[in-house]
Amino acid sequence: CKLLSQRQGITVFGDGNQTRDFVYVGDIAQAIIRALPLKGCHTMNVSTGQETSINDLIRSFEKAVGYTVPVQYTAPRTGDILRSVLSNEALKRDLGFVPAMDLEEGIRRTYDWYRSQWME
């Protein structure tokens, strides 16, 4: 957010086709609140169950900032995984919850929040 608010470019390690399972922070907070009453040990992924490429993430940020983000692609980092997505079945089963925030909307809210905290 800092670089984009300054209209600077970003660096992507790899070709940007690697994927992750991005979750909006508000959805993570909601999952934690719902988990508070649970007793004992529980293991669950707070995840959407959807893969999103880094390139798709950048396109969502471009919509939020209103300009084409300059991207420098460089060699992948040693040890980085190509694809990552998590099952949220335990989250659904134990908490009756699935993260619901749309990626683009979540990025827009995050960027707007950043600007309100650091740009005004």
PDB file of N, CA and C in Angstrom:
ATOM      1  N   CYS A   1       0.820  -1.200   0.000  1.00  0.00           N
ATOM      2  CA  CYS A   1       0.000   0.000   0.000  1.00  0.00           C
ATOM      3  C   CYS A   1       0.858   1.256   0.000  1.00  0.00           C
ATOM      4  N   LYS A   2       1.964   1.196   0.753  1.00  0.00           N
ATOM      5  CA  LYS A   2       2.832   2.369   0.816  1.00  0.00           C
ATOM      6  C   LYS A   2       3.392   2.692  -0.561  1.00  0.00           C
ATOM      7  N   LEU A   3       3.959   1.682  -1.226  1.00  0.00           N
ATOM      8  CA  LEU A   3       4.537   1.922  -2.546  1.00  0.00           C
ATOM      9  C   LEU A   3       3.478   2.404  -3.536  1.00  0.00           C
ATOM     10  N   LEU A   4       2.318   1.791  -3.508  1.00  0.00           N
ATOM     11  CA  LEU A   4       1.275   2.165  -4.462  1.00  0.00           C
ATOM     12  C   LEU A   4       0.732   3.557  -4.183  1.00  0.00           C
ATOM     13  N   SER A   5       0.635   3.927  -2.909  1.00  0.00           N
ATOM     14  CA  SER A   5       0.154   5.276  -2.596  1.00  0.00           C
ATOM     15  C   SER A   5       1.146   6.336  -3.045  1.00  0.00           C
ATOM     16  N   GLN A   6       2.411   5.936  -3.206  1.00  0.00           N
ATOM     17  CA  GLN A   6       3.444   6.845  -3.696  1.00  0.00           C
ATOM     18  C   GLN A   6       3.664   6.691  -5.197  1.00  0.00           C
ATOM     19  N   ARG A   7       2.781   5.925  -5.837  1.00  0.00           N
ATOM     20  CA  ARG A   7       2.837   5.648  -7.275  1.00  0.00           C
ATOM     21  C   ARG A   7       4.170   5.023  -7.697  1.00  0.00           C
ATOM     22  N   GLN A   8       4.719   4.228  -6.799  1.00  0.00           N
ATOM     23  CA  GLN A   8       5.940   3.490  -7.106  1.00  0.00           C
ATOM     24  C   GLN A   8       5.578   2.090  -7.572  1.00  0.00           C
ATOM     25  N   GLY A   9       6.501   1.462  -8.258  1.00  0.00           N
ATOM     26  CA  GLY A   9       6.288   0.104  -8.720  1.00  0.00           C
ATOM     27  C   GLY A   9       6.563  -0.910  -7.634  1.00  0.00           C
ATOM     28  N   ILE A  10       6.269  -2.151  -7.957  1.00  0.00           N
ATOM     29  CA  ILE A  10       6.511  -3.247  -7.028  1.00  0.00           C
ATOM     30  C   ILE A  10       7.363  -4.308  -7.715  1.00  0.00           C
ATOM     31  N   THR A  11       7.996  -5.138  -6.908  1.00  0.00           N
ATOM     32  CA  THR A  11       8.792  -6.245  -7.412  1.00  0.00           C
ATOM     33  C   THR A  11       8.060  -7.546  -7.130  1.00  0.00           C
ATOM     34  N   VAL A  12       7.987  -8.400  -8.132  1.00  0.00           N
ATOM     35  CA  VAL A  12       7.389  -9.725  -7.983  1.00  0.00           C
ATOM     36  C   VAL A  12       8.491 -10.741  -8.218  1.00  0.00           C
ATOM     37  N   PHE A  13       8.658 -11.632  -7.265  1.00  0.00           N
ATOM     38  CA  PHE A  13       9.636 -12.703  -7.399  1.00  0.00           C
ATOM     39  C   PHE A  13       8.976 -13.851  -8.142  1.00  0.00           C
ATOM     40  N   GLY A  14       9.419 -14.117  -9.366  1.00  0.00           N
ATOM     41  CA  GLY A  14       8.788 -15.114 -10.223  1.00  0.00           C
ATOM     42  C   GLY A  14       7.972 -14.415 -11.294  1.00  0.00           C
ATOM     43  N   ASP A  15       7.120 -15.198 -11.971  1.00  0.00           N
ATOM     44  CA  ASP A  15       6.345 -14.644 -13.079  1.00  0.00           C
ATOM     45  C   ASP A  15       4.970 -14.124 -12.679  1.00  0.00           C
ATOM     46  N   GLY A  16       4.639 -14.214 -11.393  1.00  0.00           N
ATOM     47  CA  GLY A  16       3.345 -13.721 -10.912  1.00  0.00           C
ATOM     48  C   GLY A  16       2.223 -14.722 -11.044  1.00  0.00           C
ATOM     49  N   ASN A  17       2.508 -15.882 -11.605  1.00  0.00           N
ATOM     50  CA  ASN A  17       1.468 -16.906 -11.741  1.00  0.00           C
ATOM     51  C   ASN A  17       1.365 -17.801 -10.514  1.00  0.00           C
ATOM     52  N   GLN A  18       2.278 -17.615  -9.555  1.00  0.00           N
ATOM     53  CA  GLN A  18       2.164 -18.382  -8.323  1.00  0.00           C
ATOM     54  C   GLN A  18       0.901 -17.940  -7.585  1.00  0.00           C
ATOM     55  N   THR A  19       0.310 -18.854  -6.839  1.00  0.00           N
ATOM     56  CA  THR A  19      -0.969 -18.567  -6.206  1.00  0.00           C
ATOM     57  C   THR A  19      -0.869 -18.651  -4.684  1.00  0.00           C
ATOM     58  N   ARG A  20      -1.801 -17.942  -4.058  1.00  0.00           N
ATOM     59  CA  ARG A  20      -1.965 -17.978  -2.607  1.00  0.00           C
ATOM     60  C   ARG A  20      -3.456 -17.913  -2.313  1.00  0.00           C
ATOM     61  N   ASP A  21      -3.786 -18.210  -1.083  1.00  0.00           N
ATOM     62  CA  ASP A  21      -5.173 -18.169  -0.621  1.00  0.00           C
ATOM     63  C   ASP A  21      -5.304 -16.935   0.262  1.00  0.00           C
ATOM     64  N   PHE A  22      -5.647 -15.801  -0.345  1.00  0.00           N
ATOM     65  CA  PHE A  22      -5.706 -14.531   0.367  1.00  0.00           C
ATOM     66  C   PHE A  22      -7.028 -14.394   1.116  1.00  0.00           C
ATOM     67  N   VAL A  23      -6.946 -13.884   2.351  1.00  0.00           N
ATOM     68  CA  VAL A  23      -8.118 -13.721   3.206  1.00  0.00           C
ATOM     69  C   VAL A  23      -8.121 -12.297   3.752  1.00  0.00           C
ATOM     70  N   TYR A  24      -9.255 -11.646   3.674  1.00  0.00           N
ATOM     71  CA  TYR A  24      -9.424 -10.287   4.198  1.00  0.00           C
ATOM     72  C   TYR A  24      -9.285 -10.306   5.719  1.00  0.00           C
ATOM     73  N   VAL A  25      -8.590  -9.344   6.268  1.00  0.00           N
ATOM     74  CA  VAL A  25      -8.317  -9.290   7.703  1.00  0.00           C
ATOM     75  C   VAL A  25      -9.608  -9.262   8.530  1.00  0.00           C
ATOM     76  N   GLY A  26     -10.652  -8.625   8.036  1.00  0.00           N
ATOM     77  CA  GLY A  26     -11.923  -8.607   8.760  1.00  0.00           C
ATOM     78  C   GLY A  26     -12.526  -9.995   8.882  1.00  0.00           C
ATOM     79  N   ASP A  27     -12.340 -10.820   7.843  1.00  0.00           N
ATOM     80  CA  ASP A  27     -12.805 -12.209   7.910  1.00  0.00           C
ATOM     81  C   ASP A  27     -11.982 -13.011   8.909  1.00  0.00           C
ATOM     82  N   ILE A  28     -10.694 -12.744   8.988  1.00  0.00           N
ATOM     83  CA  ILE A  28      -9.849 -13.433   9.968  1.00  0.00           C
ATOM     84  C   ILE A  28     -10.299 -13.059  11.378  1.00  0.00           C
ATOM     85  N   ALA A  29     -10.547 -11.782  11.602  1.00  0.00           N
ATOM     86  CA  ALA A  29     -11.015 -11.328  12.916  1.00  0.00           C
ATOM     87  C   ALA A  29     -12.342 -11.990  13.271  1.00  0.00           C
ATOM     88  N   GLN A  30     -13.244 -12.086  12.306  1.00  0.00           N
ATOM     89  CA  GLN A  30     -14.543 -12.721  12.550  1.00  0.00           C
ATOM     90  C   GLN A  30     -14.369 -14.187  12.929  1.00  0.00           C
ATOM     91  N   ALA A  31     -13.470 -14.886  12.258  1.00  0.00           N
ATOM     92  CA  ALA A  31     -13.214 -16.294  12.579  1.00  0.00           C
ATOM     93  C   ALA A  31     -12.670 -16.434  14.003  1.00  0.00           C
ATOM     94  N   ILE A  32     -11.779 -15.548  14.394  1.00  0.00           N
ATOM     95  CA  ILE A  32     -11.221 -15.599  15.752  1.00  0.00           C
ATOM     96  C   ILE A  32     -12.315 -15.364  16.782  1.00  0.00           C
ATOM     97  N   ILE A  33     -13.168 -14.386  16.540  1.00  0.00           N
ATOM     98  CA  ILE A  33     -14.268 -14.103  17.469  1.00  0.00           C
ATOM     99  C   ILE A  33     -15.174 -15.318  17.594  1.00  0.00           C
ATOM    100  N   ARG A  34     -15.488 -15.953  16.473  1.00  0.00           N
ATOM    101  CA  ARG A  34     -16.354 -17.137  16.505  1.00  0.00           C
ATOM    102  C   ARG A  34     -15.693 -18.316  17.220  1.00  0.00           C
ATOM    103  N   ALA A  35     -14.358 -18.365  17.193  1.00  0.00           N
ATOM    104  CA  ALA A  35     -13.638 -19.474  17.819  1.00  0.00           C
ATOM    105  C   ALA A  35     -13.474 -19.306  19.330  1.00  0.00           C
ATOM    106  N   LEU A  36     -13.664 -18.118  19.853  1.00  0.00           N
ATOM    107  CA  LEU A  36     -13.442 -17.869  21.276  1.00  0.00           C
ATOM    108  C   LEU A  36     -14.200 -18.828  22.204  1.00  0.00           C
ATOM    109  N   PRO A  37     -15.437 -19.167  21.927  1.00  0.00           N
ATOM    110  CA  PRO A  37     -16.151 -20.064  22.846  1.00  0.00           C
ATOM    111  C   PRO A  37     -15.719 -21.539  22.767  1.00  0.00           C
ATOM    112  N   LEU A  38     -14.935 -21.920  21.763  1.00  0.00           N
ATOM    113  CA  LEU A  38     -14.548 -23.323  21.618  1.00  0.00           C
ATOM    114  C   LEU A  38     -13.706 -23.784  22.805  1.00  0.00           C
ATOM    115  N   LYS A  39     -13.902 -25.015  23.208  1.00  0.00           N
ATOM    116  CA  LYS A  39     -13.117 -25.628  24.286  1.00  0.00           C
ATOM    117  C   LYS A  39     -12.117 -26.595  23.666  1.00  0.00           C
ATOM    118  N   GLY A  40     -10.987 -26.767  24.301  1.00  0.00           N
ATOM    119  CA  GLY A  40      -9.998 -27.730  23.845  1.00  0.00           C
ATOM    120  C   GLY A  40      -9.176 -27.196  22.686  1.00  0.00           C
ATOM    121  N   CYS A  41      -8.433 -28.115  22.081  1.00  0.00           N
ATOM    122  CA  CYS A  41      -7.567 -27.767  20.955  1.00  0.00           C
ATOM    123  C   CYS A  41      -8.299 -27.986  19.640  1.00  0.00           C
ATOM    124  N   HIS A  42      -8.161 -27.031  18.746  1.00  0.00           N
ATOM    125  CA  HIS A  42      -8.747 -27.127  17.410  1.00  0.00           C
ATOM    126  C   HIS A  42      -7.728 -26.605  16.409  1.00  0.00           C
ATOM    127  N   THR A  43      -7.670 -27.264  15.283  1.00  0.00           N
ATOM    128  CA  THR A  43      -6.818 -26.786  14.202  1.00  0.00           C
ATOM    129  C   THR A  43      -7.692 -26.562  12.994  1.00  0.00           C
ATOM    130  N   MET A  44      -7.652 -25.347  12.471  1.00  0.00           N
ATOM    131  CA  MET A  44      -8.435 -25.049  11.270  1.00  0.00           C
ATOM    132  C   MET A  44      -7.766 -23.923  10.507  1.00  0.00           C
ATOM    133  N   ASN A  45      -7.921 -23.974   9.217  1.00  0.00           N
ATOM    134  CA  ASN A  45      -7.394 -22.929   8.345  1.00  0.00           C
ATOM    135  C   ASN A  45      -8.452 -21.844   8.153  1.00  0.00           C
ATOM    136  N   VAL A  46      -8.076 -20.612   8.387  1.00  0.00           N
ATOM    137  CA  VAL A  46      -8.935 -19.494   8.028  1.00  0.00           C
ATOM    138  C   VAL A  46      -8.547 -19.173   6.590  1.00  0.00           C
ATOM    139  N   SER A  47      -9.333 -19.698   5.669  1.00  0.00           N
ATOM    140  CA  SER A  47      -8.997 -19.604   4.250  1.00  0.00           C
ATOM    141  C   SER A  47     -10.265 -19.548   3.419  1.00  0.00           C
ATOM    142  N   THR A  48     -10.083 -19.113   2.184  1.00  0.00           N
ATOM    143  CA  THR A  48     -11.225 -19.045   1.264  1.00  0.00           C
ATOM    144  C   THR A  48     -11.395 -20.327   0.474  1.00  0.00           C
ATOM    145  N   GLY A  49     -10.319 -21.120   0.392  1.00  0.00           N
ATOM    146  CA  GLY A  49     -10.355 -22.310  -0.456  1.00  0.00           C
ATOM    147  C   GLY A  49     -10.197 -21.964  -1.931  1.00  0.00           C
ATOM    148  N   GLN A  50      -9.754 -20.738  -2.212  1.00  0.00           N
ATOM    149  CA  GLN A  50      -9.584 -20.292  -3.600  1.00  0.00           C
ATOM    150  C   GLN A  50      -8.156 -19.819  -3.836  1.00  0.00           C
ATOM    151  N   GLU A  51      -7.591 -20.245  -4.948  1.00  0.00           N
ATOM    152  CA  GLU A  51      -6.269 -19.778  -5.342  1.00  0.00           C
ATOM    153  C   GLU A  51      -6.408 -18.465  -6.099  1.00  0.00           C
ATOM    154  N   THR A  52      -5.528 -17.535  -5.786  1.00  0.00           N
ATOM    155  CA  THR A  52      -5.466 -16.269  -6.517  1.00  0.00           C
ATOM    156  C   THR A  52      -4.007 -16.044  -6.888  1.00  0.00           C
ATOM    157  N   SER A  53      -3.766 -15.774  -8.159  1.00  0.00           N
ATOM    158  CA  SER A  53      -2.383 -15.534  -8.577  1.00  0.00           C
ATOM    159  C   SER A  53      -1.937 -14.150  -8.123  1.00  0.00           C
ATOM    160  N   ILE A  54      -0.637 -13.996  -8.014  1.00  0.00           N
ATOM    161  CA  ILE A  54      -0.077 -12.690  -7.667  1.00  0.00           C
ATOM    162  C   ILE A  54      -0.442 -11.671  -8.749  1.00  0.00           C
ATOM    163  N   ASN A  55      -0.475 -12.096 -10.003  1.00  0.00           N
ATOM    164  CA  ASN A  55      -0.875 -11.181 -11.086  1.00  0.00           C
ATOM    165  C   ASN A  55      -2.321 -10.734 -10.917  1.00  0.00           C
ATOM    166  N   ASP A  56      -3.210 -11.646 -10.515  1.00  0.00           N
ATOM    167  CA  ASP A  56      -4.598 -11.253 -10.261  1.00  0.00           C
ATOM    168  C   ASP A  56      -4.688 -10.302  -9.072  1.00  0.00           C
ATOM    169  N   LEU A  57      -3.873 -10.544  -8.063  1.00  0.00           N
ATOM    170  CA  LEU A  57      -3.835  -9.653  -6.912  1.00  0.00           C
ATOM    171  C   LEU A  57      -3.416  -8.248  -7.340  1.00  0.00           C
ATOM    172  N   ILE A  58      -2.406  -8.170  -8.187  1.00  0.00           N
ATOM    173  CA  ILE A  58      -1.945  -6.871  -8.685  1.00  0.00           C
ATOM    174  C   ILE A  58      -3.060  -6.181  -9.464  1.00  0.00           C
ATOM    175  N   ARG A  59      -3.793  -6.910 -10.290  1.00  0.00           N
ATOM    176  CA  ARG A  59      -4.903  -6.300 -11.047  1.00  0.00           C
ATOM    177  C   ARG A  59      -5.968  -5.751 -10.096  1.00  0.00           C
ATOM    178  N   SER A  60      -6.213  -6.446  -8.990  1.00  0.00           N
ATOM    179  CA  SER A  60      -7.174  -5.943  -8.006  1.00  0.00           C
ATOM    180  C   SER A  60      -6.663  -4.662  -7.360  1.00  0.00           C
ATOM    181  N   PHE A  61      -5.371  -4.613  -7.079  1.00  0.00           N
ATOM    182  CA  PHE A  61      -4.800  -3.377  -6.532  1.00  0.00           C
ATOM    183  C   PHE A  61      -4.878  -2.244  -7.543  1.00  0.00           C
ATOM    184  N   GLU A  62      -4.672  -2.562  -8.812  1.00  0.00           N
ATOM    185  CA  GLU A  62      -4.773  -1.522  -9.840  1.00  0.00           C
ATOM    186  C   GLU A  62      -6.163  -0.903  -9.858  1.00  0.00           C
ATOM    187  N   LYS A  63      -7.183  -1.713  -9.686  1.00  0.00           N
ATOM    188  CA  LYS A  63      -8.545  -1.168  -9.627  1.00  0.00           C
ATOM    189  C   LYS A  63      -8.713  -0.265  -8.413  1.00  0.00           C
ATOM    190  N   ALA A  64      -8.113  -0.665  -7.294  1.00  0.00           N
ATOM    191  CA  ALA A  64      -8.240   0.123  -6.062  1.00  0.00           C
ATOM    192  C   ALA A  64      -7.508   1.459  -6.168  1.00  0.00           C
ATOM    193  N   VAL A  65      -6.327   1.456  -6.795  1.00  0.00           N
ATOM    194  CA  VAL A  65      -5.528   2.690  -6.852  1.00  0.00           C
ATOM    195  C   VAL A  65      -5.846   3.541  -8.067  1.00  0.00           C
ATOM    196  N   GLY A  66      -6.450   2.940  -9.088  1.00  0.00           N
ATOM    197  CA  GLY A  66      -6.861   3.703 -10.252  1.00  0.00           C
ATOM    198  C   GLY A  66      -5.782   3.939 -11.288  1.00  0.00           C
ATOM    199  N   TYR A  67      -4.733   3.168 -11.273  1.00  0.00           N
ATOM    200  CA  TYR A  67      -3.703   3.284 -12.302  1.00  0.00           C
ATOM    201  C   TYR A  67      -3.016   1.939 -12.501  1.00  0.00           C
ATOM    202  N   THR A  68      -2.313   1.791 -13.615  1.00  0.00           N
ATOM    203  CA  THR A  68      -1.567   0.574 -13.896  1.00  0.00           C
ATOM    204  C   THR A  68      -0.296   0.573 -13.056  1.00  0.00           C
ATOM    205  N   VAL A  69      -0.141  -0.442 -12.252  1.00  0.00           N
ATOM    206  CA  VAL A  69       0.997  -0.539 -11.340  1.00  0.00           C
ATOM    207  C   VAL A  69       2.226  -1.030 -12.107  1.00  0.00           C
ATOM    208  N   PRO A  70       3.338  -0.296 -12.036  1.00  0.00           N
ATOM    209  CA  PRO A  70       4.568  -0.787 -12.658  1.00  0.00           C
ATOM    210  C   PRO A  70       5.086  -1.998 -11.873  1.00  0.00           C
ATOM    211  N   VAL A  71       5.314  -3.092 -12.580  1.00  0.00           N
ATOM    212  CA  VAL A  71       5.759  -4.328 -11.936  1.00  0.00           C
ATOM    213  C   VAL A  71       7.093  -4.750 -12.532  1.00  0.00           C
ATOM    214  N   GLN A  72       8.034  -5.028 -11.673  1.00  0.00           N
ATOM    215  CA  GLN A  72       9.313  -5.585 -12.101  1.00  0.00           C
ATOM    216  C   GLN A  72       9.314  -7.054 -11.684  1.00  0.00           C
ATOM    217  N   TYR A  73       9.388  -7.932 -12.654  1.00  0.00           N
ATOM    218  CA  TYR A  73       9.469  -9.366 -12.377  1.00  0.00           C
ATOM    219  C   TYR A  73      10.933  -9.746 -12.275  1.00  0.00           C
ATOM    220  N   THR A  74      11.256 -10.524 -11.261  1.00  0.00           N
ATOM    221  CA  THR A  74      12.630 -10.954 -11.052  1.00  0.00           C
ATOM    222  C   THR A  74      12.635 -12.454 -10.752  1.00  0.00           C
ATOM    223  N   ALA A  75      13.800 -13.009 -10.580  1.00  0.00           N
ATOM    224  CA  ALA A  75      13.921 -14.460 -10.362  1.00  0.00           C
ATOM    225  C   ALA A  75      13.138 -14.885  -9.120  1.00  0.00           C
ATOM    226  N   PRO A  76      12.538 -16.065  -9.189  1.00  0.00           N
ATOM    227  CA  PRO A  76      11.832 -16.567  -7.996  1.00  0.00           C
ATOM    228  C   PRO A  76      12.805 -16.747  -6.832  1.00  0.00           C
ATOM    229  N   ARG A  77      12.295 -16.621  -5.628  1.00  0.00           N
ATOM    230  CA  ARG A  77      13.124 -16.844  -4.442  1.00  0.00           C
ATOM    231  C   ARG A  77      13.241 -18.344  -4.180  1.00  0.00           C
ATOM    232  N   THR A  78      14.393 -18.761  -3.768  1.00  0.00           N
ATOM    233  CA  THR A  78      14.627 -20.161  -3.438  1.00  0.00           C
ATOM    234  C   THR A  78      13.663 -20.595  -2.335  1.00  0.00           C
ATOM    235  N   GLY A  79      12.994 -21.699  -2.582  1.00  0.00           N
ATOM    236  CA  GLY A  79      12.085 -22.246  -1.579  1.00  0.00           C
ATOM    237  C   GLY A  79      10.648 -21.792  -1.703  1.00  0.00           C
ATOM    238  N   ASP A  80      10.365 -20.756  -2.495  1.00  0.00           N
ATOM    239  CA  ASP A  80       8.980 -20.320  -2.673  1.00  0.00           C
ATOM    240  C   ASP A  80       8.177 -21.422  -3.354  1.00  0.00           C
ATOM    241  N   ILE A  81       6.955 -21.594  -2.915  1.00  0.00           N
ATOM    242  CA  ILE A  81       6.093 -22.594  -3.531  1.00  0.00           C
ATOM    243  C   ILE A  81       5.311 -21.958  -4.675  1.00  0.00           C
ATOM    244  N   LEU A  82       4.965 -22.763  -5.662  1.00  0.00           N
ATOM    245  CA  LEU A  82       4.248 -22.244  -6.825  1.00  0.00           C
ATOM    246  C   LEU A  82       2.774 -22.028  -6.526  1.00  0.00           C
ATOM    247  N   ARG A  83       2.152 -22.996  -5.857  1.00  0.00           N
ATOM    248  CA  ARG A  83       0.708 -22.895  -5.597  1.00  0.00           C
ATOM    249  C   ARG A  83       0.426 -23.157  -4.126  1.00  0.00           C
ATOM    250  N   SER A  84      -0.516 -22.397  -3.586  1.00  0.00           N
ATOM    251  CA  SER A  84      -0.926 -22.597  -2.203  1.00  0.00           C
ATOM    252  C   SER A  84      -2.404 -22.261  -2.061  1.00  0.00           C
ATOM    253  N   VAL A  85      -3.155 -23.230  -1.589  1.00  0.00           N
ATOM    254  CA  VAL A  85      -4.564 -23.035  -1.266  1.00  0.00           C
ATOM    255  C   VAL A  85      -4.870 -23.976  -0.115  1.00  0.00           C
ATOM    256  N   LEU A  86      -5.716 -23.546   0.795  1.00  0.00           N
ATOM    257  CA  LEU A  86      -5.991 -24.317   2.002  1.00  0.00           C
ATOM    258  C   LEU A  86      -7.451 -24.758   2.056  1.00  0.00           C
ATOM    259  N   SER A  87      -7.676 -25.863   2.698  1.00  0.00           N
ATOM    260  CA  SER A  87      -9.042 -26.327   2.935  1.00  0.00           C
ATOM    261  C   SER A  87      -9.619 -25.570   4.129  1.00  0.00           C
ATOM    262  N   ASN A  88     -10.863 -25.140   3.997  1.00  0.00           N
ATOM    263  CA  ASN A  88     -11.533 -24.483   5.124  1.00  0.00           C
ATOM    264  C   ASN A  88     -12.685 -25.345   5.665  1.00  0.00           C
ATOM    265  N   GLU A  89     -12.614 -26.650   5.425  1.00  0.00           N
ATOM    266  CA  GLU A  89     -13.680 -27.554   5.867  1.00  0.00           C
ATOM    267  C   GLU A  89     -13.865 -27.536   7.388  1.00  0.00           C
ATOM    268  N   ALA A  90     -12.775 -27.528   8.165  1.00  0.00           N
ATOM    269  CA  ALA A  90     -12.902 -27.488   9.628  1.00  0.00           C
ATOM    270  C   ALA A  90     -13.519 -26.159  10.074  1.00  0.00           C
ATOM    271  N   LEU A  91     -13.171 -25.082   9.402  1.00  0.00           N
ATOM    272  CA  LEU A  91     -13.742 -23.769   9.704  1.00  0.00           C
ATOM    273  C   LEU A  91     -15.253 -23.794   9.493  1.00  0.00           C
ATOM    274  N   LYS A  92     -15.671 -24.358   8.374  1.00  0.00           N
ATOM    275  CA  LYS A  92     -17.108 -24.484   8.082  1.00  0.00           C
ATOM    276  C   LYS A  92     -17.794 -25.361   9.121  1.00  0.00           C
ATOM    277  N   ARG A  93     -17.188 -26.512   9.376  1.00  0.00           N
ATOM    278  CA  ARG A  93     -17.803 -27.492  10.274  1.00  0.00           C
ATOM    279  C   ARG A  93     -17.859 -26.993  11.718  1.00  0.00           C
ATOM    280  N   ASP A  94     -16.739 -26.483  12.233  1.00  0.00           N
ATOM    281  CA  ASP A  94     -16.659 -26.141  13.656  1.00  0.00           C
ATOM    282  C   ASP A  94     -17.192 -24.757  13.995  1.00  0.00           C
ATOM    283  N   LEU A  95     -17.120 -23.843  13.043  1.00  0.00           N
ATOM    284  CA  LEU A  95     -17.561 -22.470  13.316  1.00  0.00           C
ATOM    285  C   LEU A  95     -18.734 -22.028  12.460  1.00  0.00           C
ATOM    286  N   GLY A  96     -19.096 -22.835  11.467  1.00  0.00           N
ATOM    287  CA  GLY A  96     -20.170 -22.427  10.573  1.00  0.00           C
ATOM    288  C   GLY A  96     -19.831 -21.148   9.832  1.00  0.00           C
ATOM    289  N   PHE A  97     -18.573 -21.001   9.468  1.00  0.00           N
ATOM    290  CA  PHE A  97     -18.100 -19.742   8.897  1.00  0.00           C
ATOM    291  C   PHE A  97     -17.210 -20.001   7.697  1.00  0.00           C
ATOM    292  N   VAL A  98     -17.374 -19.156   6.693  1.00  0.00           N
ATOM    293  CA  VAL A  98     -16.495 -19.143   5.530  1.00  0.00           C
ATOM    294  C   VAL A  98     -16.180 -17.679   5.230  1.00  0.00           C
ATOM    295  N   PRO A  99     -14.904 -17.332   5.075  1.00  0.00           N
ATOM    296  CA  PRO A  99     -14.587 -15.952   4.710  1.00  0.00           C
ATOM    297  C   PRO A  99     -15.363 -15.539   3.459  1.00  0.00           C
ATOM    298  N   ALA A 100     -15.999 -14.376   3.527  1.00  0.00           N
ATOM    299  CA  ALA A 100     -16.922 -13.989   2.465  1.00  0.00           C
ATOM    300  C   ALA A 100     -16.517 -12.738   1.696  1.00  0.00           C
ATOM    301  N   MET A 101     -15.510 -12.012   2.177  1.00  0.00           N
ATOM    302  CA  MET A 101     -15.154 -10.759   1.528  1.00  0.00           C
ATOM    303  C   MET A 101     -14.567 -11.022   0.140  1.00  0.00           C
ATOM    304  N   ASP A 102     -15.141 -10.365  -0.841  1.00  0.00           N
ATOM    305  CA  ASP A 102     -14.633 -10.414  -2.209  1.00  0.00           C
ATOM    306  C   ASP A 102     -13.226  -9.828  -2.225  1.00  0.00           C
ATOM    307  N   LEU A 103     -12.313 -10.456  -2.962  1.00  0.00           N
ATOM    308  CA  LEU A 103     -10.922 -10.021  -2.993  1.00  0.00           C
ATOM    309  C   LEU A 103     -10.785  -8.553  -3.396  1.00  0.00           C
ATOM    310  N   GLU A 104     -11.417  -8.153  -4.475  1.00  0.00           N
ATOM    311  CA  GLU A 104     -11.291  -6.760  -4.928  1.00  0.00           C
ATOM    312  C   GLU A 104     -11.831  -5.777  -3.905  1.00  0.00           C
ATOM    313  N   GLU A 105     -12.955  -6.105  -3.297  1.00  0.00           N
ATOM    314  CA  GLU A 105     -13.531  -5.217  -2.282  1.00  0.00           C
ATOM    315  C   GLU A 105     -12.622  -5.157  -1.056  1.00  0.00           C
ATOM    316  N   GLY A 106     -12.082  -6.286  -0.653  1.00  0.00           N
ATOM    317  CA  GLY A 106     -11.180  -6.315   0.491  1.00  0.00           C
ATOM    318  C   GLY A 106      -9.927  -5.492   0.247  1.00  0.00           C
ATOM    319  N   ILE A 107      -9.394  -5.582  -0.953  1.00  0.00           N
ATOM    320  CA  ILE A 107      -8.207  -4.795  -1.291  1.00  0.00           C
ATOM    321  C   ILE A 107      -8.555  -3.314  -1.317  1.00  0.00           C
ATOM    322  N   ARG A 108      -9.705  -2.974  -1.876  1.00  0.00           N
ATOM    323  CA  ARG A 108     -10.117  -1.567  -1.905  1.00  0.00           C
ATOM    324  C   ARG A 108     -10.245  -1.027  -0.480  1.00  0.00           C
ATOM    325  N   ARG A 109     -10.895  -1.790   0.395  1.00  0.00           N
ATOM    326  CA  ARG A 109     -11.043  -1.348   1.788  1.00  0.00           C
ATOM    327  C   ARG A 109      -9.689  -1.214   2.477  1.00  0.00           C
ATOM    328  N   THR A 110      -8.808  -2.177   2.242  1.00  0.00           N
ATOM    329  CA  THR A 110      -7.480  -2.137   2.852  1.00  0.00           C
ATOM    330  C   THR A 110      -6.704  -0.916   2.378  1.00  0.00           C
ATOM    331  N   TYR A 111      -6.750  -0.677   1.080  1.00  0.00           N
ATOM    332  CA  TYR A 111      -6.030   0.475   0.532  1.00  0.00           C
ATOM    333  C   TYR A 111      -6.634   1.787   1.051  1.00  0.00           C
ATOM    334  N   ASP A 112      -7.946   1.870   1.082  1.00  0.00           N
ATOM    335  CA  ASP A 112      -8.596   3.075   1.600  1.00  0.00           C
ATOM    336  C   ASP A 112      -8.230   3.300   3.064  1.00  0.00           C
ATOM    337  N   TRP A 113      -8.204   2.220   3.851  1.00  0.00           N
ATOM    338  CA  TRP A 113      -7.829   2.344   5.255  1.00  0.00           C
ATOM    339  C   TRP A 113      -6.389   2.840   5.362  1.00  0.00           C
ATOM    340  N   TYR A 114      -5.492   2.255   4.579  1.00  0.00           N
ATOM    341  CA  TYR A 114      -4.093   2.680   4.617  1.00  0.00           C
ATOM    342  C   TYR A 114      -3.988   4.174   4.319  1.00  0.00           C
ATOM    343  N   ARG A 115      -4.639   4.604   3.275  1.00  0.00           N
ATOM    344  CA  ARG A 115      -4.572   6.019   2.904  1.00  0.00           C
ATOM    345  C   ARG A 115      -5.134   6.907   4.009  1.00  0.00           C
ATOM    346  N   SER A 116      -6.199   6.473   4.672  1.00  0.00           N
ATOM    347  CA  SER A 116      -6.783   7.288   5.739  1.00  0.00           C
ATOM    348  C   SER A 116      -5.853   7.389   6.955  1.00  0.00           C
ATOM    349  N   GLN A 117      -5.025   6.381   7.156  1.00  0.00           N
ATOM    350  CA  GLN A 117      -4.108   6.379   8.291  1.00  0.00           C
ATOM    351  C   GLN A 117      -2.796   7.111   8.020  1.00  0.00           C
ATOM    352  N   TRP A 118      -2.323   7.042   6.790  1.00  0.00           N
ATOM    353  CA  TRP A 118      -0.967   7.504   6.492  1.00  0.00           C
ATOM    354  C   TRP A 118      -0.888   8.645   5.495  1.00  0.00           C
ATOM    355  N   MET A 119      -1.967   8.934   4.803  1.00  0.00           N
ATOM    356  CA  MET A 119      -1.887   9.940   3.748  1.00  0.00           C
ATOM    357  C   MET A 119      -2.582  11.252   4.107  1.00  0.00           C
ATOM    358  N   GLU A 120      -3.334  11.260   5.180  1.00  0.00           N
ATOM    359  CA  GLU A 120      -4.088  12.486   5.516  1.00  0.00           C
ATOM    360  C   GLU A 120      -3.488  13.201   6.691  1.00  0.00           C
TER     361      GLU A 120
END
